[in-house]
Each structure stands twice: as structure tokens, then as C-alpha cells.
Amino acid sequence: MITVFVTSIFVSLFSLALTVVGIPAQIVKNYQEKQSGQPLLTILIAIGFYISQIVFFALTQAYLPLISFIIGLIMWSITLVQYFIYYKNYENKQSYKKRFF
């Protein structure tokens, strides 16, 4: 029982670190460059992973890592919204480059 608890703490810490440091850095970079830094498939895979982990931890009643995965899902959802917001901007840049370069 204590092994599961300790493992749960490590999973929570590392996933929370990735969620709090890594994903917001990508969101800021996307905002600054006005384009998505991730392909759509990568974003959808990440969202699917976070949803599956949330379901798994909810079913196993491991609530400690559940919090970090919920935050991660919210962050990846923001990245998905940014993808669609900046996709048109990306298309315009590509058509401009094709016309003049």
C-alpha cells in the first residue's frame, strides 16, 4: 500500500512539473509567434492521453495525480484552441511565401 502511495506522489510531482512548466511555455511561445508550435495530431494524442489518465485515476480513486492531469488537460485544451486561432495566420504566411519567394 505504501509503495502505491509513494509512486502516486512521484507521478503527481513529475506530471505537475511538466504541466506547470512545459505546457505554459508552449502556450506563451504560440502567443508570441502567433502560430501553433505543435501539429494537430500531437495535440489530440496528448489530450487523449490526459483524458485516459483522468478516467484511470478516477476509477482507481487515486486523487493525488488526478489533479495534475486535470490541469494538464486544461492546458492542452488551450493549446488546441490556439492551434485553430493561429491556423489561418499560418496559412496566410505560407501563401505569402509561395507568391513572393
N, C-alpha and C. Protein backbone atom coordinates (compact mmCIF):
# COMPACT_ATOMS: atom_id res chain seq x y z
N MET A 1 0.82 -1.21 0.00
CA MET A 1 0.00 0.00 0.00
C MET A 1 0.85 1.25 0.00
N ILE A 2 1.94 1.25 0.77
CA ILE A 2 2.78 2.43 0.83
C ILE A 2 3.54 2.64 -0.48
N THR A 3 3.84 1.56 -1.21
CA THR A 3 4.50 1.68 -2.50
C THR A 3 3.61 2.41 -3.50
N VAL A 4 2.35 2.09 -3.48
CA VAL A 4 1.40 2.75 -4.38
C VAL A 4 1.29 4.24 -4.03
N PHE A 5 1.28 4.56 -2.76
CA PHE A 5 1.19 5.96 -2.34
C PHE A 5 2.43 6.74 -2.76
N VAL A 6 3.61 6.16 -2.54
CA VAL A 6 4.86 6.84 -2.91
C VAL A 6 4.93 7.00 -4.43
N THR A 7 4.56 5.98 -5.17
CA THR A 7 4.55 6.07 -6.62
C THR A 7 3.56 7.14 -7.08
N SER A 8 2.43 7.21 -6.44
CA SER A 8 1.43 8.22 -6.76
C SER A 8 1.98 9.63 -6.54
N ILE A 9 2.74 9.81 -5.50
CA ILE A 9 3.35 11.12 -5.24
C ILE A 9 4.34 11.49 -6.34
N PHE A 10 5.19 10.53 -6.75
CA PHE A 10 6.15 10.80 -7.81
C PHE A 10 5.47 11.10 -9.14
N VAL A 11 4.44 10.34 -9.47
CA VAL A 11 3.68 10.60 -10.70
C VAL A 11 3.08 12.00 -10.64
N SER A 12 2.53 12.35 -9.52
CA SER A 12 1.92 13.68 -9.36
C SER A 12 2.94 14.79 -9.50
N LEU A 13 4.08 14.64 -8.86
CA LEU A 13 5.10 15.69 -8.91
C LEU A 13 5.64 15.90 -10.32
N PHE A 14 5.97 14.82 -11.00
CA PHE A 14 6.53 14.97 -12.34
C PHE A 14 5.50 15.43 -13.36
N SER A 15 4.30 14.93 -13.26
CA SER A 15 3.28 15.39 -14.20
C SER A 15 2.89 16.83 -13.92
N LEU A 16 2.87 17.21 -12.66
CA LEU A 16 2.57 18.61 -12.33
C LEU A 16 3.70 19.53 -12.79
N ALA A 17 4.94 19.08 -12.66
CA ALA A 17 6.08 19.88 -13.15
C ALA A 17 5.99 20.08 -14.66
N LEU A 18 5.68 19.01 -15.38
CA LEU A 18 5.52 19.13 -16.83
C LEU A 18 4.36 20.06 -17.17
N THR A 19 3.29 19.93 -16.44
CA THR A 19 2.10 20.73 -16.69
C THR A 19 2.31 22.20 -16.36
N VAL A 20 2.99 22.47 -15.26
CA VAL A 20 3.14 23.85 -14.81
C VAL A 20 4.29 24.57 -15.53
N VAL A 21 5.29 23.84 -15.98
CA VAL A 21 6.45 24.47 -16.62
C VAL A 21 6.40 24.30 -18.14
N GLY A 22 6.22 23.08 -18.62
CA GLY A 22 6.34 22.81 -20.04
C GLY A 22 5.22 23.34 -20.90
N ILE A 23 4.01 23.03 -20.54
CA ILE A 23 2.88 23.42 -21.38
C ILE A 23 2.65 24.93 -21.40
N PRO A 24 2.71 25.64 -20.26
CA PRO A 24 2.57 27.09 -20.34
C PRO A 24 3.66 27.76 -21.19
N ALA A 25 4.87 27.19 -21.18
CA ALA A 25 5.93 27.73 -22.03
C ALA A 25 5.53 27.62 -23.50
N GLN A 26 4.91 26.51 -23.86
CA GLN A 26 4.43 26.33 -25.24
C GLN A 26 3.30 27.30 -25.55
N ILE A 27 2.42 27.52 -24.61
CA ILE A 27 1.31 28.45 -24.82
C ILE A 27 1.83 29.87 -25.03
N VAL A 28 2.80 30.28 -24.23
CA VAL A 28 3.39 31.62 -24.37
C VAL A 28 4.11 31.74 -25.71
N LYS A 29 4.86 30.71 -26.08
CA LYS A 29 5.58 30.73 -27.36
C LYS A 29 4.60 30.83 -28.53
N ASN A 30 3.51 30.07 -28.46
CA ASN A 30 2.50 30.15 -29.51
C ASN A 30 1.92 31.56 -29.60
N TYR A 31 1.65 32.16 -28.46
CA TYR A 31 1.08 33.51 -28.44
C TYR A 31 2.06 34.52 -29.03
N GLN A 32 3.33 34.41 -28.66
CA GLN A 32 4.32 35.36 -29.16
C GLN A 32 4.54 35.24 -30.66
N GLU A 33 4.55 34.01 -31.16
CA GLU A 33 4.79 33.79 -32.58
C GLU A 33 3.51 33.81 -33.41
N LYS A 34 2.38 33.86 -32.74
CA LYS A 34 1.07 33.85 -33.41
C LYS A 34 0.92 32.64 -34.33
N GLN A 35 1.43 31.50 -33.89
CA GLN A 35 1.23 30.24 -34.60
C GLN A 35 1.40 29.10 -33.62
N SER A 36 0.83 27.97 -33.97
CA SER A 36 0.92 26.81 -33.10
C SER A 36 2.25 26.12 -33.31
N GLY A 37 2.90 25.77 -32.22
CA GLY A 37 4.18 25.09 -32.31
C GLY A 37 4.05 23.58 -32.36
N GLN A 38 2.83 23.07 -32.26
CA GLN A 38 2.58 21.63 -32.26
C GLN A 38 1.65 21.25 -33.40
N PRO A 39 1.90 20.12 -34.04
CA PRO A 39 0.93 19.64 -35.03
C PRO A 39 -0.36 19.21 -34.35
N LEU A 40 -1.45 19.25 -35.10
CA LEU A 40 -2.76 18.91 -34.55
C LEU A 40 -2.79 17.49 -33.99
N LEU A 41 -2.16 16.55 -34.68
CA LEU A 41 -2.16 15.16 -34.22
C LEU A 41 -1.49 15.03 -32.86
N THR A 42 -0.40 15.74 -32.64
CA THR A 42 0.30 15.70 -31.36
C THR A 42 -0.59 16.23 -30.24
N ILE A 43 -1.29 17.31 -30.51
CA ILE A 43 -2.19 17.90 -29.51
C ILE A 43 -3.32 16.93 -29.18
N LEU A 44 -3.90 16.31 -30.20
CA LEU A 44 -5.00 15.38 -29.97
C LEU A 44 -4.54 14.13 -29.22
N ILE A 45 -3.35 13.65 -29.52
CA ILE A 45 -2.81 12.50 -28.78
C ILE A 45 -2.60 12.86 -27.32
N ALA A 46 -2.05 14.04 -27.06
CA ALA A 46 -1.83 14.48 -25.68
C ALA A 46 -3.15 14.61 -24.93
N ILE A 47 -4.16 15.19 -25.57
CA ILE A 47 -5.46 15.33 -24.93
C ILE A 47 -6.07 13.95 -24.65
N GLY A 48 -5.96 13.03 -25.60
CA GLY A 48 -6.45 11.67 -25.39
C GLY A 48 -5.74 10.98 -24.24
N PHE A 49 -4.42 11.19 -24.15
CA PHE A 49 -3.65 10.63 -23.05
C PHE A 49 -4.12 11.18 -21.71
N TYR A 50 -4.30 12.49 -21.62
CA TYR A 50 -4.73 13.09 -20.37
C TYR A 50 -6.13 12.63 -19.99
N ILE A 51 -7.03 12.50 -20.96
CA ILE A 51 -8.38 12.01 -20.66
C ILE A 51 -8.33 10.59 -20.13
N SER A 52 -7.52 9.74 -20.78
CA SER A 52 -7.43 8.34 -20.33
C SER A 52 -6.84 8.25 -18.92
N GLN A 53 -5.86 9.10 -18.62
CA GLN A 53 -5.28 9.10 -17.28
C GLN A 53 -6.28 9.59 -16.23
N ILE A 54 -7.06 10.60 -16.59
CA ILE A 54 -8.08 11.12 -15.66
C ILE A 54 -9.10 10.03 -15.35
N VAL A 55 -9.55 9.32 -16.37
CA VAL A 55 -10.52 8.24 -16.16
C VAL A 55 -9.90 7.15 -15.30
N PHE A 56 -8.65 6.78 -15.62
CA PHE A 56 -7.97 5.73 -14.86
C PHE A 56 -7.82 6.10 -13.39
N PHE A 57 -7.32 7.31 -13.13
CA PHE A 57 -7.11 7.72 -11.73
C PHE A 57 -8.44 7.91 -11.00
N ALA A 58 -9.47 8.33 -11.70
CA ALA A 58 -10.78 8.46 -11.05
C ALA A 58 -11.34 7.08 -10.69
N LEU A 59 -11.18 6.11 -11.59
CA LEU A 59 -11.68 4.76 -11.31
C LEU A 59 -10.90 4.07 -10.20
N THR A 60 -9.60 4.35 -10.12
CA THR A 60 -8.79 3.73 -9.07
C THR A 60 -8.78 4.56 -7.79
N GLN A 61 -9.48 5.67 -7.80
CA GLN A 61 -9.58 6.57 -6.65
C GLN A 61 -8.22 7.08 -6.19
N ALA A 62 -7.32 7.31 -7.15
CA ALA A 62 -6.02 7.91 -6.86
C ALA A 62 -6.15 9.40 -7.17
N TYR A 63 -6.60 10.14 -6.19
CA TYR A 63 -6.97 11.54 -6.43
C TYR A 63 -5.77 12.49 -6.47
N LEU A 64 -4.66 12.11 -5.92
CA LEU A 64 -3.49 12.99 -5.92
C LEU A 64 -2.98 13.27 -7.34
N PRO A 65 -2.71 12.26 -8.17
CA PRO A 65 -2.27 12.55 -9.54
C PRO A 65 -3.40 13.07 -10.42
N LEU A 66 -4.63 12.84 -10.02
CA LEU A 66 -5.78 13.28 -10.81
C LEU A 66 -5.77 14.79 -11.00
N ILE A 67 -5.39 15.53 -9.99
CA ILE A 67 -5.37 17.00 -10.05
C ILE A 67 -4.43 17.49 -11.14
N SER A 68 -3.22 16.94 -11.18
CA SER A 68 -2.25 17.41 -12.17
C SER A 68 -2.68 17.06 -13.59
N PHE A 69 -3.35 15.93 -13.76
CA PHE A 69 -3.81 15.56 -15.09
C PHE A 69 -5.00 16.41 -15.53
N ILE A 70 -5.82 16.84 -14.61
CA ILE A 70 -6.91 17.76 -14.96
C ILE A 70 -6.32 19.10 -15.41
N ILE A 71 -5.32 19.59 -14.69
CA ILE A 71 -4.66 20.83 -15.08
C ILE A 71 -4.00 20.67 -16.45
N GLY A 72 -3.37 19.51 -16.67
CA GLY A 72 -2.74 19.25 -17.97
C GLY A 72 -3.75 19.23 -19.10
N LEU A 73 -4.91 18.64 -18.85
CA LEU A 73 -5.96 18.63 -19.88
C LEU A 73 -6.41 20.04 -20.22
N ILE A 74 -6.54 20.88 -19.21
CA ILE A 74 -6.93 22.28 -19.46
C ILE A 74 -5.86 22.98 -20.29
N MET A 75 -4.60 22.77 -19.95
CA MET A 75 -3.50 23.42 -20.69
C MET A 75 -3.44 22.95 -22.14
N TRP A 76 -3.58 21.63 -22.37
CA TRP A 76 -3.56 21.12 -23.74
C TRP A 76 -4.79 21.60 -24.52
N SER A 77 -5.90 21.79 -23.83
CA SER A 77 -7.08 22.32 -24.49
C SER A 77 -6.85 23.76 -24.95
N ILE A 78 -6.12 24.53 -24.15
CA ILE A 78 -5.75 25.89 -24.56
C ILE A 78 -4.86 25.83 -25.79
N THR A 79 -3.93 24.89 -25.82
CA THR A 79 -3.06 24.72 -26.98
C THR A 79 -3.87 24.36 -28.22
N LEU A 80 -4.89 23.52 -28.05
CA LEU A 80 -5.77 23.16 -29.17
C LEU A 80 -6.52 24.38 -29.69
N VAL A 81 -7.03 25.20 -28.80
CA VAL A 81 -7.72 26.43 -29.21
C VAL A 81 -6.75 27.34 -29.96
N GLN A 82 -5.52 27.47 -29.45
CA GLN A 82 -4.52 28.28 -30.13
C GLN A 82 -4.23 27.75 -31.53
N TYR A 83 -4.21 26.44 -31.68
CA TYR A 83 -3.96 25.85 -33.00
C TYR A 83 -4.97 26.37 -34.01
N PHE A 84 -6.25 26.35 -33.64
CA PHE A 84 -7.28 26.79 -34.57
C PHE A 84 -7.30 28.30 -34.74
N ILE A 85 -6.95 29.04 -33.71
CA ILE A 85 -6.88 30.50 -33.83
C ILE A 85 -5.76 30.91 -34.78
N TYR A 86 -4.59 30.28 -34.64
CA TYR A 86 -3.43 30.68 -35.41
C TYR A 86 -3.27 29.92 -36.71
N TYR A 87 -4.13 28.94 -36.99
CA TYR A 87 -4.01 28.16 -38.22
C TYR A 87 -4.20 29.05 -39.44
N LYS A 88 -5.17 29.94 -39.39
CA LYS A 88 -5.41 30.85 -40.50
C LYS A 88 -4.21 31.76 -40.71
N ASN A 89 -3.62 32.22 -39.63
CA ASN A 89 -2.42 33.05 -39.70
C ASN A 89 -1.28 32.28 -40.36
N TYR A 90 -1.14 31.00 -40.04
CA TYR A 90 -0.10 30.16 -40.63
C TYR A 90 -0.34 29.98 -42.13
N GLU A 91 -1.60 29.76 -42.52
CA GLU A 91 -1.92 29.61 -43.94
C GLU A 91 -1.60 30.88 -44.71
N ASN A 92 -1.90 32.03 -44.15
CA ASN A 92 -1.61 33.30 -44.81
C ASN A 92 -0.11 33.49 -45.02
N LYS A 93 0.69 33.12 -44.02
CA LYS A 93 2.15 33.24 -44.16
C LYS A 93 2.67 32.32 -45.25
N GLN A 94 2.13 31.10 -45.32
CA GLN A 94 2.58 30.14 -46.33
C GLN A 94 2.21 30.60 -47.73
N SER A 95 1.01 31.12 -47.92
CA SER A 95 0.61 31.58 -49.25
C SER A 95 1.41 32.82 -49.65
N TYR A 96 1.76 33.67 -48.70
CA TYR A 96 2.59 34.83 -48.97
C TYR A 96 3.98 34.40 -49.43
N LYS A 97 4.55 33.42 -48.76
CA LYS A 97 5.87 32.91 -49.12
C LYS A 97 5.85 32.29 -50.51
N LYS A 98 4.79 31.58 -50.84
CA LYS A 98 4.71 30.94 -52.16
C LYS A 98 4.60 31.97 -53.27
N ARG A 99 3.93 33.08 -53.00
CA ARG A 99 3.75 34.10 -54.02
C ARG A 99 5.04 34.91 -54.26
N PHE A 100 5.77 35.17 -53.21
CA PHE A 100 6.88 36.12 -53.35
C PHE A 100 8.26 35.49 -53.20
N PHE A 101 8.36 34.24 -52.84
CA PHE A 101 9.69 33.64 -52.66
C PHE A 101 9.83 32.35 -53.40
